[in-house]
Amino acid sequence: MGTRPKANHTTEHHFFESGTEKIMTDAPPTASTDVERSAFPRKMIIFTVVVVVLFALVFWQISLLDDLFGIGLDIVSVFSVISGVFLLLAWVVWLLAFSRSPIWKRLVGSACLIAAPFVFVFVFRPVIGGDANFVGLNPIWNAPPKPPEVDKTQATPADLLTESPIDFPRFLGADQNGVYTIDGEIDPAQLSEDCILWKNDIGLGWSGFVARNGFAVTMEQREKMECVSCYDIATGELRWLYEHEARHRDAINLGGIGPRSTPVIHQGNVYAVGAIGNVVCLNGGTGEVIWQVDLNDILGVSLMTMTDRDGFAVQAEENSSLAWGRAGSPLVVDEVLVVPGGGPTGGPYQTLLAFDLQTGEQRWSGGTEMIAYGSPVLATVAGVRQILLTTENAACGYDPATGELLWQVDRPGDTGAEANTSQLTYVSENEVLTSKGYPDGGGELIRLSNVDGRLVPESGWRNKLALKTKLTSPVIHEGHSYSLSNAFLECVRLSDGKRLWKRRGRFGHGQLLLVNGLIVLHSELGTLHLIRATPEDCEEIAEIPTIDGVCWNTLCLYGNRLLVRSHIQAACIELPLK
């Protein structure tokens, strides 16, 4: 018998086209072709593009979200980071489960995807803005700035005892309201970079300047030392430097390194509060210590120590909810220095502490509310002289002689992610304004009535979508409030809380002063804006770039000389006058 041929599973079809034989094969595609087709991530690419476009639209329409829901860039930034993490993990899952590549390629690719953001953050050290957003990158090969040093062999004392009408001796100015008057009219047409008298690198921190008799004082972090420094306003020369071994940083490093509060100058002395509780009185001429106290010993607060990426030991409050460090500036009232207190988590709390100006001896403590990050303000409201303060979750008034609580209004907030940071703002003889950023914020006008010597507060109005101040406070002018609200410049009518206009601009969470009816605004990223603001319109009339860094530091004006700061630089700008 003949041998039967083996079955051939490949069927051939013969066609003839133009006299040429064409053979068609029905064989299935090869394995390599199938892997290549399955490995191309069409759906993942489409999904990634959709997510990116969606967030681009959200950032583009952030103003509309702010108007409709009070959602600011901070919330969007947080969700964008979370979405980015999930998108990265989705790519890792696809690579491991669906790519059909050799196992070693899947593992190497997944490891590279996971490691990439960590390597990027380590190498470039992202600079974080006030909305938890990336505002810049600082490569690790860039050396940190070197602030000027004191030449102690030729040092000359500063005269902080002599006073003048143009002094700016405390936080937000002599009246603590961010309103300043100068002789003459600012000429916007002449504002240029030539108006910058000097520019210095400076130690880290968020303290603002205060000024007296041609000298300016601030706080800064120089490596492991928390410092109080005094500069000549005309030249930028460093006159003296006080050093205290301390270095603050919050646990998650969103708030940056260094001191937060602004000093006060009084009768030739300088009073300052460090970020982790060092209260010091210095001789304003030389920077020598007159007295100092540690708030942690008084309040029962303990500190935890970590090591930052620069190799320095950093401290933060361990058994307290005060996550971002002590930011409240001290207040001189009669013969005492009043500073915000606080206490361990759960209490007991001492809201305000008063120390003798000459000796540092504690005179009194008042209040049982946990503090936040605003500064105490002295004002007379409803005929009663009082200290105004926004605590962790309330707006309050205290007796400046004893610290006794005079009145209180609930104010949403905490000392963490949704903190109260703005000051209570004096509006009129019986009204104060409270403002706050974050989703639970907004503005509220509080009216105080004096009923048989007892202060009774009531709400005049509340607007949850306006006056969402975060790192600054409103200024009041002719019945209207001007402020940076969720990084938008806005005008609010104080009679009813209605927002009349808002301008997006490139302001971020900068700082502003009202000077002769003109808004002087220093943006978060170092641009000086002059803005003619009225209830009808917002007209920007001049701008110049100023300094590098993140500019959360409050402004200081000495005559027509404007002192600006960031976390790494300082400058003096001479505002041109007509």
Protein backbone atom coordinates (compact mmCIF):
# COMPACT_ATOMS: atom_id res chain seq x y z
CA MET A 1 0.00 0.00 0.00
CA GLY A 2 1.05 3.44 -0.67
CA THR A 3 1.76 5.85 2.18
CA ARG A 4 -1.05 8.27 2.91
CA PRO A 5 0.15 11.86 2.96
CA LYS A 6 -0.03 13.74 6.26
CA ALA A 7 -2.78 16.24 6.73
CA ASN A 8 -1.78 19.76 5.86
CA HIS A 9 -3.68 22.29 7.94
CA THR A 10 -2.63 25.11 5.72
CA THR A 11 -5.04 25.59 2.87
CA GLU A 12 -3.82 27.20 -0.27
CA HIS A 13 -6.07 29.13 -2.62
CA HIS A 14 -4.91 29.81 -6.12
CA PHE A 15 -5.96 32.90 -8.04
CA PHE A 16 -4.77 34.17 -11.34
CA GLU A 17 -4.43 37.89 -11.87
CA SER A 18 -2.99 39.21 -15.09
CA GLY A 19 -1.44 35.90 -15.81
CA THR A 20 0.34 35.70 -12.46
CA GLU A 21 -0.40 33.08 -9.82
CA LYS A 22 -1.17 34.48 -6.33
CA ILE A 23 -1.15 32.22 -3.28
CA MET A 24 -3.28 33.17 -0.22
CA THR A 25 -2.60 31.48 3.12
CA ASP A 26 -5.21 31.19 5.91
CA ALA A 27 -2.61 30.57 8.61
CA PRO A 28 -3.18 32.48 11.90
CA PRO A 29 -0.88 35.45 12.66
CA THR A 30 2.42 34.67 14.29
CA ALA A 31 2.89 35.03 18.05
CA SER A 32 5.23 38.00 17.65
CA THR A 33 2.64 39.91 15.65
CA ASP A 34 -0.02 39.21 18.29
CA VAL A 35 2.25 40.46 21.11
CA GLU A 36 3.08 43.62 19.23
CA ARG A 37 -0.58 44.40 18.61
CA SER A 38 -1.58 43.69 22.20
CA ALA A 39 1.35 45.61 23.65
CA PHE A 40 0.44 48.99 22.14
CA PRO A 41 -1.35 50.95 24.93
CA ARG A 42 -3.99 52.74 22.85
CA LYS A 43 -6.54 52.90 25.65
CA MET A 44 -4.00 54.02 28.23
CA ILE A 45 -2.75 56.79 25.96
CA ILE A 46 -6.30 57.97 25.31
CA PHE A 47 -7.08 57.84 29.05
CA THR A 48 -3.93 59.82 29.88
CA VAL A 49 -4.71 62.48 27.29
CA VAL A 50 -8.26 62.81 28.60
CA VAL A 51 -7.04 63.28 32.20
CA VAL A 52 -4.45 65.88 31.17
CA VAL A 53 -6.93 67.81 29.04
CA LEU A 54 -9.53 67.69 31.81
CA PHE A 55 -7.16 69.19 34.38
CA ALA A 56 -5.95 71.78 31.86
CA LEU A 57 -9.58 72.89 31.45
CA VAL A 58 -10.04 72.97 35.22
CA PHE A 59 -6.95 75.16 35.71
CA TRP A 60 -8.12 77.39 32.85
CA GLN A 61 -11.54 77.83 34.43
CA ILE A 62 -10.38 78.10 38.03
CA SER A 63 -12.03 81.52 38.30
CA LEU A 64 -15.43 80.02 37.44
CA LEU A 65 -14.97 77.23 40.00
CA ASP A 66 -14.06 79.84 42.59
CA ASP A 67 -17.21 81.84 41.79
CA LEU A 68 -19.59 78.88 41.79
CA PHE A 69 -18.22 76.68 44.54
CA GLY A 70 -15.42 78.56 46.29
CA ILE A 71 -12.92 75.97 45.01
CA GLY A 72 -9.49 77.50 44.75
CA LEU A 73 -6.24 76.47 43.15
CA ASP A 74 -5.20 74.75 46.38
CA ILE A 75 -7.97 72.14 46.11
CA VAL A 76 -7.33 71.63 42.40
CA SER A 77 -3.59 71.26 43.02
CA VAL A 78 -4.13 68.57 45.63
CA PHE A 79 -6.50 66.62 43.38
CA SER A 80 -4.13 66.98 40.43
CA VAL A 81 -1.30 65.45 42.48
CA ILE A 82 -3.57 62.62 43.64
CA SER A 83 -4.73 62.04 40.05
CA GLY A 84 -1.14 62.04 38.85
CA VAL A 85 -0.24 59.36 41.39
CA PHE A 86 -3.18 57.17 40.34
CA LEU A 87 -2.33 57.70 36.66
CA LEU A 88 1.24 56.60 37.31
CA LEU A 89 0.00 53.50 39.15
CA ALA A 90 -2.39 52.76 36.30
CA TRP A 91 0.56 52.72 33.88
CA VAL A 92 2.46 50.40 36.24
CA VAL A 93 -0.53 48.02 36.40
CA TRP A 94 -0.87 48.04 32.63
CA LEU A 95 2.83 47.38 32.18
CA LEU A 96 2.80 44.44 34.61
CA ALA A 97 -0.51 42.86 33.64
CA PHE A 98 -1.25 43.70 30.03
CA SER A 99 1.91 44.63 28.14
CA ARG A 100 2.90 40.99 27.34
CA SER A 101 6.53 42.04 27.28
CA PRO A 102 9.19 39.77 28.75
CA ILE A 103 9.00 39.75 32.52
CA TRP A 104 12.31 41.51 32.99
CA LYS A 105 11.17 44.40 30.82
CA ARG A 106 7.94 44.71 32.82
CA LEU A 107 9.81 44.81 36.11
CA VAL A 108 12.44 47.28 34.92
CA GLY A 109 9.83 49.54 33.33
CA SER A 110 7.64 49.51 36.45
CA ALA A 111 10.61 50.30 38.67
CA CYS A 112 11.58 53.22 36.43
CA LEU A 113 8.04 54.62 36.48
CA ILE A 114 7.82 54.42 40.26
CA ALA A 115 11.32 55.80 40.84
CA ALA A 116 11.05 58.69 38.35
CA PRO A 117 9.05 61.13 40.52
CA PHE A 118 11.21 60.44 43.58
CA VAL A 119 14.41 61.01 41.61
CA PHE A 120 12.94 64.16 40.06
CA VAL A 121 11.90 65.61 43.42
CA PHE A 122 15.27 64.79 44.95
CA VAL A 123 17.32 66.22 42.08
CA PHE A 124 15.28 69.36 41.44
CA ARG A 125 13.74 70.17 44.83
CA PRO A 126 10.39 71.64 43.74
CA VAL A 127 9.51 75.06 45.15
CA ILE A 128 5.97 75.01 46.56
CA GLY A 129 3.59 77.96 46.33
CA GLY A 130 0.74 78.98 48.60
CA ASP A 131 -1.71 76.63 46.89
CA ALA A 132 0.50 73.55 47.33
CA ASN A 133 1.39 74.08 43.67
CA PHE A 134 4.78 73.88 41.97
CA VAL A 135 6.09 77.37 41.26
CA GLY A 136 9.68 76.53 40.47
CA LEU A 137 12.50 73.99 40.54
CA ASN A 138 15.77 74.29 42.42
CA PRO A 139 18.42 71.82 41.18
CA ILE A 140 20.56 70.34 43.92
CA TRP A 141 23.71 71.60 42.17
CA ASN A 142 22.59 75.20 42.74
CA ALA A 143 24.31 76.38 45.90
CA PRO A 144 22.01 78.02 48.49
CA PRO A 145 22.23 81.83 48.63
CA LYS A 146 24.79 83.35 50.95
CA PRO A 147 23.36 86.25 52.96
CA PRO A 148 25.69 89.11 53.91
CA GLU A 149 27.80 88.78 57.03
CA VAL A 150 28.48 91.34 59.75
CA ASP A 151 31.92 92.89 59.76
CA LYS A 152 32.21 93.01 63.54
CA THR A 153 35.53 94.85 63.39
CA GLN A 154 33.86 97.86 61.74
CA ALA A 155 30.31 97.48 63.03
CA THR A 156 28.49 100.67 63.95
CA PRO A 157 25.39 100.64 66.16
CA ALA A 158 21.95 101.24 64.68
CA ASP A 159 19.76 103.94 66.21
CA LEU A 160 16.31 102.43 66.72
CA LEU A 161 15.44 104.79 69.57
CA THR A 162 14.83 107.89 67.44
CA GLU A 163 11.28 107.92 66.09
CA SER A 164 9.79 109.62 63.04
CA PRO A 165 6.34 109.88 61.42
CA ILE A 166 7.34 107.58 58.57
CA ASP A 167 8.32 104.65 60.79
CA PHE A 168 6.82 101.20 60.18
CA PRO A 169 7.59 99.72 63.61
CA ARG A 170 5.31 96.69 63.69
CA PHE A 171 3.50 94.11 61.61
CA LEU A 172 1.30 95.77 58.91
CA GLY A 173 2.41 99.24 60.02
CA ALA A 174 1.91 101.60 62.91
CA ASP A 175 -1.85 100.99 63.01
CA GLN A 176 -1.62 97.30 62.06
CA ASN A 177 -4.02 97.76 59.16
CA GLY A 178 -1.79 97.72 56.07
CA VAL A 179 -2.68 101.34 55.26
CA TYR A 180 0.14 103.88 54.85
CA THR A 181 0.34 107.53 53.87
CA ILE A 182 3.36 109.20 52.31
CA ASP A 183 4.09 112.79 51.35
CA GLY A 184 3.67 113.19 47.61
CA GLU A 185 2.04 111.16 44.88
CA ILE A 186 3.49 107.96 43.45
CA ASP A 187 4.37 108.32 39.76
CA PRO A 188 3.66 104.94 38.06
CA ALA A 189 5.18 106.11 34.78
CA GLN A 190 8.61 106.33 36.42
CA LEU A 191 8.54 102.91 38.07
CA SER A 192 11.29 100.72 36.62
CA GLU A 193 13.91 98.24 37.72
CA ASP A 194 16.24 101.23 38.19
CA CYS A 195 14.15 102.04 41.27
CA ILE A 196 15.60 98.98 43.06
CA LEU A 197 18.19 100.51 45.40
CA TRP A 198 19.69 97.21 46.49
CA LYS A 199 19.04 93.50 46.45
CA ASN A 200 20.53 91.00 48.92
CA ASP A 201 20.44 87.28 49.40
CA ILE A 202 18.96 86.62 52.82
CA GLY A 203 18.43 83.72 55.19
CA LEU A 204 15.36 81.50 54.84
CA GLY A 205 12.02 82.32 56.44
CA TRP A 206 8.72 84.18 56.09
CA SER A 207 9.24 87.13 58.42
CA GLY A 208 8.57 90.64 57.13
CA PHE A 209 10.55 93.81 57.79
CA VAL A 210 9.78 96.53 60.31
CA ALA A 211 11.51 99.91 60.10
CA ARG A 212 12.55 102.83 62.28
CA ASN A 213 14.89 105.79 61.72
CA GLY A 214 16.42 104.41 58.53
CA PHE A 215 16.94 100.85 59.77
CA ALA A 216 14.97 97.68 59.04
CA VAL A 217 14.69 94.55 61.20
CA THR A 218 13.53 91.07 60.23
CA MET A 219 14.05 87.39 61.12
CA GLU A 220 15.85 84.81 59.01
CA GLN A 221 17.27 81.29 59.13
CA ARG A 222 21.02 80.90 58.59
CA GLU A 223 21.84 77.19 58.58
CA LYS A 224 21.22 75.98 62.15
CA MET A 225 20.71 79.49 63.57
CA GLU A 226 17.40 81.34 63.83
CA CYS A 227 18.36 85.00 63.58
CA VAL A 228 17.08 88.52 64.10
CA SER A 229 18.87 90.90 61.74
CA CYS A 230 19.12 94.67 61.32
CA TYR A 231 19.86 96.33 57.93
CA ASP A 232 20.56 99.88 56.80
CA ILE A 233 17.60 100.80 54.57
CA ALA A 234 19.65 103.11 52.33
CA THR A 235 22.43 100.65 51.53
CA GLY A 236 21.30 97.15 52.52
CA GLU A 237 24.29 96.84 54.86
CA LEU A 238 23.82 94.36 57.69
CA ARG A 239 24.36 96.21 60.97
CA TRP A 240 23.90 93.46 63.55
CA LEU A 241 22.79 89.85 63.83
CA TYR A 242 21.34 87.95 66.78
CA GLU A 243 21.63 84.15 66.58
CA HIS A 244 19.73 81.44 68.46
CA GLU A 245 20.26 77.75 67.74
CA ALA A 246 16.91 76.59 66.36
CA ARG A 247 15.64 75.55 62.93
CA HIS A 248 11.94 75.02 62.30
CA ARG A 249 10.33 72.89 59.62
CA ASP A 250 6.88 71.35 59.52
CA ALA A 251 6.64 67.56 59.38
CA ILE A 252 5.67 67.36 55.68
CA ASN A 253 7.83 70.30 54.53
CA LEU A 254 5.09 72.24 52.74
CA GLY A 255 5.64 75.36 54.83
CA GLY A 256 9.37 75.68 54.33
CA ILE A 257 12.25 76.40 56.68
CA GLY A 258 12.71 79.23 59.15
CA PRO A 259 10.94 81.81 61.32
CA ARG A 260 7.46 83.04 60.44
CA SER A 261 6.60 86.05 62.58
CA THR A 262 7.58 89.69 62.14
CA PRO A 263 9.36 91.53 65.01
CA VAL A 264 8.24 94.76 66.66
CA ILE A 265 10.38 97.81 67.50
CA HIS A 266 9.52 99.71 70.68
CA GLN A 267 11.51 102.39 72.49
CA GLY A 268 14.77 101.34 70.92
CA ASN A 269 14.38 97.62 71.61
CA VAL A 270 13.43 94.76 69.27
CA TYR A 271 11.01 92.02 70.32
CA ALA A 272 10.78 88.81 68.30
CA VAL A 273 9.10 85.39 68.48
CA GLY A 274 10.83 82.37 66.94
CA ALA A 275 9.04 79.62 65.04
CA ILE A 276 9.45 77.12 67.89
CA GLY A 277 8.85 79.43 70.83
CA ASN A 278 11.92 81.53 71.58
CA VAL A 279 10.74 85.00 72.71
CA VAL A 280 13.56 87.54 72.88
CA CYS A 281 14.08 91.21 73.71
CA LEU A 282 17.13 92.73 72.02
CA ASN A 283 18.97 95.99 72.29
CA GLY A 284 18.03 97.70 69.02
CA GLY A 285 21.45 99.31 68.69
CA THR A 286 23.61 96.20 68.90
CA GLY A 287 21.35 93.14 68.90
CA GLU A 288 22.50 92.10 72.37
CA VAL A 289 20.04 90.07 74.44
CA ILE A 290 18.19 91.89 77.22
CA TRP A 291 15.95 88.96 78.12
CA GLN A 292 14.48 85.83 76.56
CA VAL A 293 11.95 83.14 77.50
CA ASP A 294 10.95 79.77 76.07
CA LEU A 295 7.21 79.44 75.44
CA ASN A 296 7.46 75.65 75.42
CA ASP A 297 8.45 75.60 79.09
CA ILE A 298 5.48 77.78 79.98
CA LEU A 299 2.92 75.94 77.85
CA GLY A 300 4.05 72.35 78.39
CA VAL A 301 4.88 71.83 74.71
CA SER A 302 7.56 69.35 73.69
CA LEU A 303 9.55 69.40 70.45
CA MET A 304 10.40 66.65 68.02
CA THR A 305 13.62 66.69 66.01
CA MET A 306 14.15 65.51 62.45
CA THR A 307 16.95 65.87 59.92
CA ASP A 308 16.22 67.83 56.76
CA ARG A 309 17.64 67.19 53.31
CA ASP A 310 20.44 69.69 53.96
CA GLY A 311 21.67 67.67 56.94
CA PHE A 312 20.48 70.09 59.63
CA ALA A 313 18.43 69.15 62.69
CA VAL A 314 14.95 70.70 62.41
CA GLN A 315 12.32 71.00 65.12
CA ALA A 316 8.54 71.17 65.29
CA GLU A 317 6.00 70.99 68.10
CA GLU A 318 5.48 67.32 68.91
CA ASN A 319 2.49 67.24 71.27
CA SER A 320 0.74 70.26 69.77
CA SER A 321 -1.51 70.73 66.74
CA LEU A 322 0.36 73.87 65.66
CA ALA A 323 1.62 72.29 62.46
CA TRP A 324 3.14 75.30 60.69
CA GLY A 325 5.13 76.96 63.46
CA ARG A 326 4.56 80.16 65.43
CA ALA A 327 3.59 82.88 62.96
CA GLY A 328 1.82 85.41 65.21
CA SER A 329 3.78 88.63 65.60
CA PRO A 330 4.20 90.09 69.12
CA LEU A 331 2.19 93.11 70.22
CA VAL A 332 3.31 95.83 72.61
CA VAL A 333 0.44 96.96 74.86
CA ASP A 334 1.28 99.54 77.54
CA GLU A 335 4.08 97.94 79.57
CA VAL A 336 3.76 94.34 78.38
CA LEU A 337 4.60 92.27 75.32
CA VAL A 338 1.63 90.13 74.26
CA VAL A 339 2.28 86.96 72.24
CA PRO A 340 -0.01 84.12 71.12
CA GLY A 341 0.39 81.08 73.33
CA GLY A 342 -1.37 77.76 72.69
CA GLY A 343 -0.59 74.50 74.44
CA PRO A 344 -0.46 70.72 73.99
CA THR A 345 -3.09 68.90 71.95
CA GLY A 346 -6.31 68.71 73.95
CA GLY A 347 -5.27 71.54 76.25
CA PRO A 348 -5.08 73.22 78.59
CA TYR A 349 -4.57 76.25 76.33
CA GLN A 350 -3.34 79.73 77.16
CA THR A 351 -4.39 81.90 74.24
CA LEU A 352 -2.38 85.02 75.07
CA LEU A 353 0.69 85.50 77.25
CA ALA A 354 1.95 88.87 78.50
CA PHE A 355 5.55 89.59 79.53
CA ASP A 356 7.06 92.64 81.18
CA LEU A 357 8.78 94.74 78.51
CA GLN A 358 11.86 95.39 80.64
CA THR A 359 12.41 92.09 82.45
CA GLY A 360 10.53 89.38 80.55
CA GLU A 361 8.64 88.38 83.69
CA GLN A 362 5.24 86.90 82.89
CA ARG A 363 2.46 89.28 83.90
CA TRP A 364 -0.68 87.37 82.87
CA SER A 365 -2.17 84.75 80.57
CA GLY A 366 -5.65 84.92 79.12
CA GLY A 367 -8.06 82.81 77.12
CA THR A 368 -8.57 79.08 76.85
CA GLU A 369 -8.73 78.85 73.05
CA MET A 370 -6.05 77.20 70.91
CA ILE A 371 -4.20 79.74 68.78
CA ALA A 372 -3.82 79.67 64.99
CA TYR A 373 -1.43 81.78 62.88
CA GLY A 374 -2.85 85.30 62.94
CA SER A 375 -1.36 88.16 64.95
CA PRO A 376 -3.01 90.06 67.82
CA VAL A 377 -4.29 93.54 66.93
CA LEU A 378 -4.97 96.38 69.37
CA ALA A 379 -8.12 98.40 68.63
CA THR A 380 -11.00 100.21 70.29
CA VAL A 381 -14.34 98.75 69.18
CA ALA A 382 -17.75 99.56 70.67
CA GLY A 383 -15.98 101.95 73.02
CA VAL A 384 -13.81 99.20 74.53
CA ARG A 385 -10.04 98.95 74.04
CA GLN A 386 -9.26 95.33 73.29
CA ILE A 387 -6.93 92.83 71.64
CA LEU A 388 -8.46 91.27 68.54
CA LEU A 389 -7.34 87.77 67.60
CA THR A 390 -8.49 84.93 65.37
CA THR A 391 -7.86 81.68 67.21
CA GLU A 392 -8.02 78.14 65.86
CA ASN A 393 -11.79 78.29 65.31
CA ALA A 394 -13.08 81.60 66.68
CA ALA A 395 -12.85 85.37 66.34
CA CYS A 396 -12.25 86.88 69.78
CA GLY A 397 -11.65 90.05 71.75
CA TYR A 398 -9.54 90.15 74.94
CA ASP A 399 -8.96 92.66 77.73
CA PRO A 400 -5.45 94.09 77.18
CA ALA A 401 -4.93 94.54 80.93
CA THR A 402 -5.79 91.03 82.07
CA GLY A 403 -6.25 88.79 79.01
CA GLU A 404 -9.88 88.14 79.94
CA LEU A 405 -12.09 87.01 77.06
CA LEU A 406 -14.55 89.81 76.20
CA TRP A 407 -16.45 88.25 73.28
CA GLN A 408 -16.23 85.35 70.87
CA VAL A 409 -17.75 84.31 67.52
CA ASP A 410 -17.33 80.81 66.10
CA ARG A 411 -15.10 80.78 63.04
CA PRO A 412 -14.46 77.52 61.14
CA GLY A 413 -10.83 76.51 61.06
CA ASP A 414 -8.05 74.45 62.50
CA THR A 415 -4.27 74.55 62.80
CA GLY A 416 -3.61 72.12 59.96
CA ALA A 417 -4.87 72.05 56.38
CA GLU A 418 -7.59 74.70 56.78
CA ALA A 419 -5.90 77.13 59.11
CA ASN A 420 -6.94 80.61 60.19
CA THR A 421 -4.00 82.82 59.23
CA SER A 422 -5.43 86.32 58.66
CA GLN A 423 -5.81 89.06 61.25
CA LEU A 424 -9.09 90.46 62.46
CA THR A 425 -9.42 93.77 60.62
CA TYR A 426 -10.76 96.92 62.26
CA VAL A 427 -13.51 98.43 60.08
CA SER A 428 -15.33 101.07 62.12
CA GLU A 429 -16.08 102.09 65.69
CA ASN A 430 -18.32 99.04 66.16
CA GLU A 431 -17.34 96.65 63.34
CA VAL A 432 -14.52 94.19 62.64
CA LEU A 433 -13.93 91.98 59.63
CA THR A 434 -12.81 88.38 59.67
CA SER A 435 -11.54 86.61 56.56
CA LYS A 436 -10.18 83.17 55.75
CA GLY A 437 -9.13 81.00 52.83
CA TYR A 438 -9.80 77.32 52.13
CA PRO A 439 -13.22 75.72 51.45
CA ASP A 440 -14.65 76.55 54.88
CA GLY A 441 -13.56 80.20 54.68
CA GLY A 442 -14.91 83.47 53.37
CA GLY A 443 -15.54 86.85 54.93
CA GLU A 444 -17.80 87.93 57.77
CA LEU A 445 -18.56 91.34 59.22
CA ILE A 446 -19.00 91.25 63.00
CA ARG A 447 -20.85 94.08 64.77
CA LEU A 448 -20.22 94.65 68.47
CA SER A 449 -22.71 96.27 70.81
CA ASN A 450 -21.86 97.56 74.27
CA VAL A 451 -24.69 96.47 76.56
CA ASP A 452 -24.08 97.72 80.09
CA GLY A 453 -20.34 97.26 79.69
CA ARG A 454 -20.69 93.80 78.14
CA LEU A 455 -19.72 93.30 74.50
CA VAL A 456 -22.33 91.46 72.43
CA PRO A 457 -21.30 90.33 68.91
CA GLU A 458 -23.62 89.66 66.00
CA SER A 459 -23.04 88.85 62.35
CA GLY A 460 -23.67 91.70 59.94
CA TRP A 461 -23.24 89.46 56.90
CA ARG A 462 -21.22 86.50 55.72
CA ASN A 463 -20.01 85.69 52.22
CA LYS A 464 -18.44 82.25 51.81
CA LEU A 465 -17.24 83.00 48.27
CA ALA A 466 -15.42 86.27 48.97
CA LEU A 467 -12.58 87.40 51.23
CA LYS A 468 -10.95 83.96 51.13
CA THR A 469 -7.61 85.30 52.34
CA LYS A 470 -4.91 82.79 53.03
CA LEU A 471 -1.50 84.35 53.72
CA THR A 472 -2.52 88.00 53.81
CA SER A 473 -5.16 90.31 55.26
CA PRO A 474 -7.60 92.80 53.69
CA VAL A 475 -7.06 96.56 53.56
CA ILE A 476 -10.02 98.92 54.08
CA HIS A 477 -10.62 102.04 51.99
CA GLU A 478 -13.75 104.21 51.84
CA GLY A 479 -16.23 101.52 52.80
CA HIS A 480 -14.68 98.74 50.73
CA SER A 481 -12.28 95.88 51.35
CA TYR A 482 -9.47 95.03 48.93
CA SER A 483 -7.77 91.69 49.35
CA LEU A 484 -6.19 88.67 47.71
CA SER A 485 -8.96 86.08 47.85
CA ASN A 486 -7.97 82.60 46.66
CA ALA A 487 -5.15 84.41 44.81
CA PHE A 488 -7.58 86.78 43.02
CA LEU A 489 -7.51 90.49 43.76
CA GLU A 490 -11.04 91.53 44.67
CA CYS A 491 -13.16 94.39 46.00
CA VAL A 492 -15.97 93.75 48.48
CA ARG A 493 -18.53 96.30 49.61
CA LEU A 494 -18.55 96.33 53.39
CA SER A 495 -22.17 97.41 53.82
CA ASP A 496 -23.52 94.11 52.53
CA GLY A 497 -20.55 91.85 51.68
CA LYS A 498 -21.17 91.91 47.93
CA ARG A 499 -18.13 91.34 45.75
CA LEU A 500 -17.98 94.10 43.13
CA TRP A 501 -15.11 92.77 41.02
CA LYS A 502 -12.18 90.40 41.01
CA ARG A 503 -9.01 90.23 38.94
CA ARG A 504 -7.02 87.08 38.39
CA GLY A 505 -3.66 88.54 37.42
CA ARG A 506 -0.44 86.77 38.35
CA PHE A 507 -0.58 87.67 42.01
CA GLY A 508 -0.72 84.30 43.75
CA HIS A 509 -0.60 84.57 47.53
CA GLY A 510 1.49 87.71 47.68
CA GLN A 511 1.16 90.72 49.95
CA LEU A 512 -0.30 94.20 49.61
CA LEU A 513 -0.44 97.64 51.21
CA LEU A 514 -2.76 100.57 50.54
CA VAL A 515 -0.60 103.66 49.97
CA ASN A 516 -2.32 107.00 49.38
CA GLY A 517 -5.32 105.15 47.98
CA LEU A 518 -3.15 103.08 45.61
CA ILE A 519 -2.70 99.32 46.01
CA VAL A 520 0.96 98.33 46.17
CA LEU A 521 0.97 94.57 45.57
CA HIS A 522 3.98 92.28 45.63
CA SER A 523 3.14 88.98 43.95
CA GLU A 524 3.99 85.54 45.25
CA LEU A 525 6.68 85.13 42.61
CA GLY A 526 8.33 88.54 42.90
CA THR A 527 6.61 91.15 40.75
CA LEU A 528 5.62 94.57 42.08
CA HIS A 529 2.24 95.81 40.83
CA LEU A 530 0.76 99.28 41.24
CA ILE A 531 -3.02 99.12 40.98
CA ARG A 532 -5.55 101.92 40.99
CA ALA A 533 -8.51 100.29 42.67
CA THR A 534 -11.97 101.75 42.99
CA PRO A 535 -15.33 100.08 43.59
CA GLU A 536 -15.99 100.41 39.87
CA ASP A 537 -12.85 98.93 38.36
CA CYS A 538 -9.34 97.53 38.87
CA GLU A 539 -6.69 99.22 36.76
CA GLU A 540 -3.11 97.97 36.81
CA ILE A 541 -0.89 100.93 36.01
CA ALA A 542 2.66 99.64 36.48
CA GLU A 543 4.69 96.53 37.27
CA ILE A 544 8.33 95.52 37.58
CA PRO A 545 10.13 92.26 38.47
CA THR A 546 11.83 92.43 41.86
CA ILE A 547 13.38 89.38 43.55
CA ASP A 548 13.65 85.61 43.28
CA GLY A 549 11.93 83.12 45.54
CA VAL A 550 8.48 82.73 47.05
CA CYS A 551 7.24 86.05 48.44
CA TRP A 552 4.83 85.31 51.29
CA ASN A 553 6.62 87.84 53.51
CA THR A 554 4.63 90.94 54.45
CA LEU A 555 5.63 94.35 53.05
CA CYS A 556 7.23 97.27 54.85
CA LEU A 557 7.23 100.90 53.72
CA TYR A 558 9.56 103.55 55.11
CA GLY A 559 8.66 106.84 53.46
CA ASN A 560 8.68 105.95 49.78
CA ARG A 561 11.15 103.10 50.23
CA LEU A 562 9.45 99.72 49.95
CA LEU A 563 11.12 96.70 51.56
CA VAL A 564 10.19 93.33 50.02
CA ARG A 565 11.27 89.83 50.95
CA SER A 566 11.06 86.27 49.75
CA HIS A 567 12.34 83.15 51.45
CA ILE A 568 15.78 83.74 49.86
CA GLN A 569 16.13 87.42 48.88
CA ALA A 570 15.32 90.94 50.04
CA ALA A 571 15.28 94.28 48.22
CA CYS A 572 14.58 97.96 48.74
CA ILE A 573 12.58 99.73 46.03
CA GLU A 574 12.29 103.50 45.92
CA LEU A 575 8.78 104.31 44.75
CA PRO A 576 9.06 107.31 42.38
CA LEU A 577 7.15 110.41 43.35
CA LYS A 578 5.75 113.14 41.15
